[in-house]
């Protein structure tokens, strides 16, 4: 996947957050003997603000990090 000339490679089972309103270019390559599957979930501003309020999350400054943030699984 390409965001602003940066290449990101994701593997099966990866979970990630992507920055909103970004034009992306990507190739869907299935594993050998498998098939490509993905699920996209879009959260609107109202939902994000609600989550922020419920969890007492505040923003000190606008996010300036990576365009794609891979989420690490919680081992429990």
PDB file of N, CA and C in Angstrom:
ATOM      1  N   UNK A   1       0.855  -1.153   0.000  1.00  0.00           N
ATOM      2  CA  UNK A   1       0.000   0.000   0.000  1.00  0.00           C
ATOM      3  C   UNK A   1       0.907   1.224   0.000  1.00  0.00           C
ATOM      4  N   UNK A   2       0.535   2.236  -0.774  1.00  0.00           N
ATOM      5  CA  UNK A   2       1.313   3.468  -0.849  1.00  0.00           C
ATOM      6  C   UNK A   2       0.495   4.654  -0.344  1.00  0.00           C
ATOM      7  N   UNK A   3       1.079   5.412   0.584  1.00  0.00           N
ATOM      8  CA  UNK A   3       0.541   6.682   1.072  1.00  0.00           C
ATOM      9  C   UNK A   3       1.626   7.718   0.857  1.00  0.00           C
ATOM     10  N   UNK A   4       1.328   8.769   0.150  1.00  0.00           N
ATOM     11  CA  UNK A   4       2.297   9.868  -0.008  1.00  0.00           C
ATOM     12  C   UNK A   4       3.707   9.369  -0.301  1.00  0.00           C
ATOM     13  N   UNK A   5       3.823   8.471  -1.268  1.00  0.00           N
ATOM     14  CA  UNK A   5       5.108   7.908  -1.719  1.00  0.00           C
ATOM     15  C   UNK A   5       5.797   7.011  -0.688  1.00  0.00           C
ATOM     16  N   UNK A   6       5.121   6.662   0.389  1.00  0.00           N
ATOM     17  CA  UNK A   6       5.670   5.721   1.367  1.00  0.00           C
ATOM     18  C   UNK A   6       5.014   4.370   1.153  1.00  0.00           C
ATOM     19  N   UNK A   7       5.817   3.309   1.195  1.00  0.00           N
ATOM     20  CA  UNK A   7       5.300   1.961   0.977  1.00  0.00           C
ATOM     21  C   UNK A   7       5.075   1.270   2.320  1.00  0.00           C
ATOM     22  N   UNK A   8       3.912   0.637   2.461  1.00  0.00           N
ATOM     23  CA  UNK A   8       3.573  -0.139   3.651  1.00  0.00           C
ATOM     24  C   UNK A   8       3.212  -1.548   3.193  1.00  0.00           C
ATOM     25  N   UNK A   9       3.758  -2.538   3.872  1.00  0.00           N
ATOM     26  CA  UNK A   9       3.450  -3.935   3.555  1.00  0.00           C
ATOM     27  C   UNK A   9       2.764  -4.544   4.769  1.00  0.00           C
ATOM     28  N   UNK A  10       1.618  -5.167   4.537  1.00  0.00           N
ATOM     29  CA  UNK A  10       0.855  -5.786   5.610  1.00  0.00           C
ATOM     30  C   UNK A  10       0.740  -7.272   5.350  1.00  0.00           C
ATOM     31  N   UNK A  11       0.700  -8.034   6.413  1.00  0.00           N
ATOM     32  CA  UNK A  11       0.612  -9.491   6.330  1.00  0.00           C
ATOM     33  C   UNK A  11      -0.772  -9.951   6.776  1.00  0.00           C
ATOM     34  N   UNK A  12      -1.070 -11.210   6.498  1.00  0.00           N
ATOM     35  CA  UNK A  12      -2.344 -11.798   6.925  1.00  0.00           C
ATOM     36  C   UNK A  12      -2.491 -11.637   8.435  1.00  0.00           C
ATOM     37  N   UNK A  13      -3.663 -11.213   8.870  1.00  0.00           N
ATOM     38  CA  UNK A  13      -3.931 -11.056  10.297  1.00  0.00           C
ATOM     39  C   UNK A  13      -3.582  -9.694  10.861  1.00  0.00           C
ATOM     40  N   UNK A  14      -2.944  -8.822  10.073  1.00  0.00           N
ATOM     41  CA  UNK A  14      -2.600  -7.487  10.559  1.00  0.00           C
ATOM     42  C   UNK A  14      -3.850  -6.632  10.732  1.00  0.00           C
ATOM     43  N   UNK A  15      -3.858  -5.829  11.789  1.00  0.00           N
ATOM     44  CA  UNK A  15      -4.897  -4.838  12.036  1.00  0.00           C
ATOM     45  C   UNK A  15      -4.223  -3.482  12.009  1.00  0.00           C
ATOM     46  N   UNK A  16      -4.885  -2.503  11.430  1.00  0.00           N
ATOM     47  CA  UNK A  16      -4.248  -1.193  11.320  1.00  0.00           C
ATOM     48  C   UNK A  16      -5.282  -0.075  11.276  1.00  0.00           C
ATOM     49  N   UNK A  17      -4.846   1.089  11.712  1.00  0.00           N
ATOM     50  CA  UNK A  17      -5.613   2.313  11.545  1.00  0.00           C
ATOM     51  C   UNK A  17      -4.963   3.088  10.412  1.00  0.00           C
ATOM     52  N   UNK A  18      -5.788   3.647   9.537  1.00  0.00           N
ATOM     53  CA  UNK A  18      -5.285   4.474   8.452  1.00  0.00           C
ATOM     54  C   UNK A  18      -5.820   5.883   8.616  1.00  0.00           C
ATOM     55  N   UNK A  19      -4.982   6.833   8.314  1.00  0.00           N
ATOM     56  CA  UNK A  19      -5.364   8.233   8.394  1.00  0.00           C
ATOM     57  C   UNK A  19      -6.535   8.502   7.447  1.00  0.00           C
ATOM     58  N   UNK A  20      -7.459   9.331   7.866  1.00  0.00           N
ATOM     59  CA  UNK A  20      -8.644   9.579   7.037  1.00  0.00           C
ATOM     60  C   UNK A  20      -8.323  10.498   5.857  1.00  0.00           C
ATOM     61  N   UNK A  21      -9.192  10.425   4.851  1.00  0.00           N
ATOM     62  CA  UNK A  21      -9.113  11.281   3.665  1.00  0.00           C
ATOM     63  C   UNK A  21      -7.771  11.198   2.954  1.00  0.00           C
ATOM     64  N   UNK A  22      -7.234  10.004   2.828  1.00  0.00           N
ATOM     65  CA  UNK A  22      -5.961   9.802   2.152  1.00  0.00           C
ATOM     66  C   UNK A  22      -6.172   8.990   0.880  1.00  0.00           C
ATOM     67  N   UNK A  23      -5.549   9.422  -0.197  1.00  0.00           N
ATOM     68  CA  UNK A  23      -5.576   8.673  -1.439  1.00  0.00           C
ATOM     69  C   UNK A  23      -4.514   7.584  -1.341  1.00  0.00           C
ATOM     70  N   UNK A  24      -4.905   6.352  -1.571  1.00  0.00           N
ATOM     71  CA  UNK A  24      -3.965   5.235  -1.479  1.00  0.00           C
ATOM     72  C   UNK A  24      -3.960   4.446  -2.778  1.00  0.00           C
ATOM     73  N   UNK A  25      -2.864   3.746  -2.996  1.00  0.00           N
ATOM     74  CA  UNK A  25      -2.739   2.824  -4.118  1.00  0.00           C
ATOM     75  C   UNK A  25      -2.257   1.516  -3.518  1.00  0.00           C
ATOM     76  N   UNK A  26      -2.901   0.409  -3.877  1.00  0.00           N
ATOM     77  CA  UNK A  26      -2.501  -0.851  -3.270  1.00  0.00           C
ATOM     78  C   UNK A  26      -2.721  -2.019  -4.211  1.00  0.00           C
ATOM     79  N   UNK A  27      -2.019  -3.112  -3.930  1.00  0.00           N
ATOM     80  CA  UNK A  27      -2.163  -4.373  -4.656  1.00  0.00           C
ATOM     81  C   UNK A  27      -2.633  -5.421  -3.677  1.00  0.00           C
ATOM     82  N   UNK A  28      -3.622  -6.192  -4.081  1.00  0.00           N
ATOM     83  CA  UNK A  28      -4.136  -7.275  -3.244  1.00  0.00           C
ATOM     84  C   UNK A  28      -3.497  -8.570  -3.736  1.00  0.00           C
ATOM     85  N   UNK A  29      -2.604  -9.126  -2.945  1.00  0.00           N
ATOM     86  CA  UNK A  29      -1.901 -10.347  -3.341  1.00  0.00           C
ATOM     87  C   UNK A  29      -2.249 -11.450  -2.352  1.00  0.00           C
ATOM     88  N   UNK A  30      -2.995 -12.466  -2.790  1.00  0.00           N
ATOM     89  CA  UNK A  30      -3.372 -13.550  -1.874  1.00  0.00           C
ATOM     90  C   UNK A  30      -2.179 -14.446  -1.569  1.00  0.00           C
ATOM     91  N   UNK A  31      -2.202 -15.120  -0.418  1.00  0.00           N
ATOM     92  CA  UNK A  31      -1.133 -16.074  -0.106  1.00  0.00           C
ATOM     93  C   UNK A  31      -1.222 -17.268  -1.055  1.00  0.00           C
ATOM     94  N   UNK A  32      -0.125 -17.997  -1.204  1.00  0.00           N
ATOM     95  CA  UNK A  32      -0.128 -19.183  -2.065  1.00  0.00           C
ATOM     96  C   UNK A  32      -1.227 -20.141  -1.636  1.00  0.00           C
ATOM     97  N   UNK A  33      -2.058 -20.539  -2.581  1.00  0.00           N
ATOM     98  CA  UNK A  33      -3.139 -21.469  -2.290  1.00  0.00           C
ATOM     99  C   UNK A  33      -4.275 -20.876  -1.488  1.00  0.00           C
ATOM    100  N   UNK A  34      -4.259 -19.568  -1.266  1.00  0.00           N
ATOM    101  CA  UNK A  34      -5.296 -18.927  -0.452  1.00  0.00           C
ATOM    102  C   UNK A  34      -6.044 -17.876  -1.233  1.00  0.00           C
ATOM    103  N   UNK A  35      -6.758 -17.049  -0.514  1.00  0.00           N
ATOM    104  CA  UNK A  35      -7.494 -15.961  -1.134  1.00  0.00           C
ATOM    105  C   UNK A  35      -7.308 -14.688  -0.319  1.00  0.00           C
ATOM    106  N   UNK A  36      -7.473 -13.561  -0.984  1.00  0.00           N
ATOM    107  CA  UNK A  36      -7.346 -12.272  -0.319  1.00  0.00           C
ATOM    108  C   UNK A  36      -8.680 -11.915   0.332  1.00  0.00           C
ATOM    109  N   UNK A  37      -8.634 -11.554   1.606  1.00  0.00           N
ATOM    110  CA  UNK A  37      -9.830 -11.116   2.325  1.00  0.00           C
ATOM    111  C   UNK A  37      -9.469  -9.890   3.151  1.00  0.00           C
ATOM    112  N   UNK A  38     -10.396  -8.957   3.234  1.00  0.00           N
ATOM    113  CA  UNK A  38     -10.174  -7.797   4.098  1.00  0.00           C
ATOM    114  C   UNK A  38     -11.514  -7.277   4.598  1.00  0.00           C
ATOM    115  N   UNK A  39     -11.461  -6.571   5.707  1.00  0.00           N
ATOM    116  CA  UNK A  39     -12.636  -5.925   6.286  1.00  0.00           C
ATOM    117  C   UNK A  39     -12.254  -4.473   6.547  1.00  0.00           C
ATOM    118  N   UNK A  40     -13.088  -3.555   6.115  1.00  0.00           N
ATOM    119  CA  UNK A  40     -12.860  -2.132   6.361  1.00  0.00           C
ATOM    120  C   UNK A  40     -13.965  -1.608   7.259  1.00  0.00           C
ATOM    121  N   UNK A  41     -13.567  -0.874   8.283  1.00  0.00           N
ATOM    122  CA  UNK A  41     -14.521  -0.257   9.198  1.00  0.00           C
ATOM    123  C   UNK A  41     -14.233   1.241   9.201  1.00  0.00           C
ATOM    124  N   UNK A  42     -15.242   2.030   8.896  1.00  0.00           N
ATOM    125  CA  UNK A  42     -15.091   3.472   8.878  1.00  0.00           C
ATOM    126  C   UNK A  42     -15.803   4.055  10.089  1.00  0.00           C
ATOM    127  N   UNK A  43     -15.112   4.917  10.828  1.00  0.00           N
ATOM    128  CA  UNK A  43     -15.712   5.570  11.994  1.00  0.00           C
ATOM    129  C   UNK A  43     -15.847   7.058  11.699  1.00  0.00           C
ATOM    130  N   UNK A  44     -17.055   7.577  11.831  1.00  0.00           N
ATOM    131  CA  UNK A  44     -17.270   8.995  11.591  1.00  0.00           C
ATOM    132  C   UNK A  44     -16.802   9.814  12.797  1.00  0.00           C
ATOM    133  N   UNK A  45     -16.758  11.136  12.621  1.00  0.00           N
ATOM    134  CA  UNK A  45     -16.275  12.022  13.680  1.00  0.00           C
ATOM    135  C   UNK A  45     -17.102  11.906  14.953  1.00  0.00           C
ATOM    136  N   UNK A  46     -18.411  11.754  14.814  1.00  0.00           N
ATOM    137  CA  UNK A  46     -19.277  11.640  15.991  1.00  0.00           C
ATOM    138  C   UNK A  46     -18.897  10.411  16.818  1.00  0.00           C
ATOM    139  N   UNK A  47     -18.675   9.285  16.159  1.00  0.00           N
ATOM    140  CA  UNK A  47     -18.293   8.053  16.855  1.00  0.00           C
ATOM    141  C   UNK A  47     -16.933   8.208  17.525  1.00  0.00           C
ATOM    142  N   UNK A  48     -15.974   8.784  16.814  1.00  0.00           N
ATOM    143  CA  UNK A  48     -14.637   8.975  17.386  1.00  0.00           C
ATOM    144  C   UNK A  48     -14.679   9.895  18.607  1.00  0.00           C
ATOM    145  N   UNK A  49     -15.455  10.950  18.523  1.00  0.00           N
ATOM    146  CA  UNK A  49     -15.581  11.867  19.671  1.00  0.00           C
ATOM    147  C   UNK A  49     -16.251  11.172  20.859  1.00  0.00           C
ATOM    148  N   UNK A  50     -17.239  10.337  20.581  1.00  0.00           N
ATOM    149  CA  UNK A  50     -17.921   9.590  21.636  1.00  0.00           C
ATOM    150  C   UNK A  50     -16.954   8.633  22.334  1.00  0.00           C
ATOM    151  N   UNK A  51     -16.150   7.925  21.562  1.00  0.00           N
ATOM    152  CA  UNK A  51     -15.145   7.015  22.135  1.00  0.00           C
ATOM    153  C   UNK A  51     -14.160   7.806  22.987  1.00  0.00           C
ATOM    154  N   UNK A  52     -13.745   8.959  22.487  1.00  0.00           N
ATOM    155  CA  UNK A  52     -12.814   9.815  23.219  1.00  0.00           C
ATOM    156  C   UNK A  52     -13.399  10.258  24.557  1.00  0.00           C
ATOM    157  N   UNK A  53     -14.657  10.676  24.555  1.00  0.00           N
ATOM    158  CA  UNK A  53     -15.310  11.125  25.789  1.00  0.00           C
ATOM    159  C   UNK A  53     -15.494   9.981  26.778  1.00  0.00           C
ATOM    160  N   UNK A  54     -15.934   8.820  26.290  1.00  0.00           N
ATOM    161  CA  UNK A  54     -16.170   7.665  27.163  1.00  0.00           C
ATOM    162  C   UNK A  54     -14.890   7.172  27.833  1.00  0.00           C
ATOM    163  N   UNK A  55     -13.746   7.356  27.168  1.00  0.00           N
ATOM    164  CA  UNK A  55     -12.474   6.864  27.690  1.00  0.00           C
ATOM    165  C   UNK A  55     -11.573   7.975  28.211  1.00  0.00           C
ATOM    166  N   UNK A  56     -12.143   9.180  28.370  1.00  0.00           N
ATOM    167  CA  UNK A  56     -11.394  10.338  28.878  1.00  0.00           C
ATOM    168  C   UNK A  56     -10.090  10.568  28.119  1.00  0.00           C
ATOM    169  N   UNK A  57     -10.168  10.496  26.787  1.00  0.00           N
ATOM    170  CA  UNK A  57      -9.001  10.735  25.944  1.00  0.00           C
ATOM    171  C   UNK A  57      -9.016  12.184  25.485  1.00  0.00           C
ATOM    172  N   UNK A  58      -7.874  12.846  25.582  1.00  0.00           N
ATOM    173  CA  UNK A  58      -7.777  14.230  25.135  1.00  0.00           C
ATOM    174  C   UNK A  58      -6.649  14.352  24.123  1.00  0.00           C
ATOM    175  N   UNK A  59      -6.743  15.377  23.291  1.00  0.00           N
ATOM    176  CA  UNK A  59      -5.739  15.615  22.273  1.00  0.00           C
ATOM    177  C   UNK A  59      -4.942  16.858  22.641  1.00  0.00           C
ATOM    178  N   UNK A  60      -3.618  16.696  22.789  1.00  0.00           N
ATOM    179  CA  UNK A  60      -2.752  17.835  23.084  1.00  0.00           C
ATOM    180  C   UNK A  60      -2.433  18.625  21.818  1.00  0.00           C
ATOM    181  N   UNK A  61      -2.279  17.887  20.705  1.00  0.00           N
ATOM    182  CA  UNK A  61      -1.968  18.505  19.413  1.00  0.00           C
ATOM    183  C   UNK A  61      -2.424  17.546  18.318  1.00  0.00           C
ATOM    184  N   UNK A  62      -2.610  18.035  17.103  1.00  0.00           N
ATOM    185  CA  UNK A  62      -3.022  17.146  16.014  1.00  0.00           C
ATOM    186  C   UNK A  62      -1.996  16.038  15.778  1.00  0.00           C
ATOM    187  N   UNK A  63      -2.484  14.873  15.385  1.00  0.00           N
ATOM    188  CA  UNK A  63      -1.616  13.724  15.117  1.00  0.00           C
ATOM    189  C   UNK A  63      -0.694  14.029  13.946  1.00  0.00           C
ATOM    190  N   UNK A  64       0.585  13.760  14.108  1.00  0.00           N
ATOM    191  CA  UNK A  64       1.558  14.025  13.046  1.00  0.00           C
ATOM    192  C   UNK A  64       2.422  12.801  12.756  1.00  0.00           C
ATOM    193  N   UNK A  65       1.955  11.631  13.174  1.00  0.00           N
ATOM    194  CA  UNK A  65       2.736  10.411  12.984  1.00  0.00           C
ATOM    195  C   UNK A  65       2.505   9.758  11.635  1.00  0.00           C
ATOM    196  N   UNK A  66       2.736   8.464  11.596  1.00  0.00           N
ATOM    197  CA  UNK A  66       2.615   7.679  10.372  1.00  0.00           C
ATOM    198  C   UNK A  66       1.193   7.706   9.815  1.00  0.00           C
ATOM    199  N   UNK A  67       1.081   7.513   8.491  1.00  0.00           N
ATOM    200  CA  UNK A  67      -0.230   7.446   7.841  1.00  0.00           C
ATOM    201  C   UNK A  67      -0.936   6.134   8.135  1.00  0.00           C
ATOM    202  N   UNK A  68      -0.160   5.082   8.377  1.00  0.00           N
ATOM    203  CA  UNK A  68      -0.720   3.763   8.696  1.00  0.00           C
ATOM    204  C   UNK A  68      -0.132   3.319  10.027  1.00  0.00           C
ATOM    205  N   UNK A  69      -0.989   2.968  10.955  1.00  0.00           N
ATOM    206  CA  UNK A  69      -0.563   2.554  12.286  1.00  0.00           C
ATOM    207  C   UNK A  69      -0.990   1.105  12.494  1.00  0.00           C
ATOM    208  N   UNK A  70      -0.011   0.196  12.553  1.00  0.00           N
ATOM    209  CA  UNK A  70      -0.313  -1.223  12.756  1.00  0.00           C
ATOM    210  C   UNK A  70      -0.594  -1.449  14.233  1.00  0.00           C
ATOM    211  N   UNK A  71      -1.714  -2.100  14.515  1.00  0.00           N
ATOM    212  CA  UNK A  71      -2.112  -2.368  15.894  1.00  0.00           C
ATOM    213  C   UNK A  71      -1.533  -3.694  16.349  1.00  0.00           C
ATOM    214  N   UNK A  72      -0.929  -3.701  17.501  1.00  0.00           N
ATOM    215  CA  UNK A  72      -0.346  -4.916  18.069  1.00  0.00           C
ATOM    216  C   UNK A  72      -1.412  -5.673  18.854  1.00  0.00           C
ATOM    217  N   UNK A  73      -1.486  -7.001  18.692  1.00  0.00           N
ATOM    218  CA  UNK A  73      -2.468  -7.770  19.468  1.00  0.00           C
ATOM    219  C   UNK A  73      -2.109  -7.775  20.948  1.00  0.00           C
ATOM    220  N   UNK A  74      -3.119  -7.836  21.784  1.00  0.00           N
ATOM    221  CA  UNK A  74      -2.911  -7.927  23.228  1.00  0.00           C
ATOM    222  C   UNK A  74      -2.877  -9.405  23.576  1.00  0.00           C
ATOM    223  N   UNK A  75      -1.752  -9.860  24.070  1.00  0.00           N
ATOM    224  CA  UNK A  75      -1.620 -11.270  24.459  1.00  0.00           C
ATOM    225  C   UNK A  75      -2.122 -11.427  25.876  1.00  0.00           C
ATOM    226  N   UNK A  76      -3.179 -12.177  26.039  1.00  0.00           N
ATOM    227  CA  UNK A  76      -3.725 -12.283  27.373  1.00  0.00           C
ATOM    228  C   UNK A  76      -4.014 -13.665  27.705  1.00  0.00           C
TER     229      UNK A  76
END
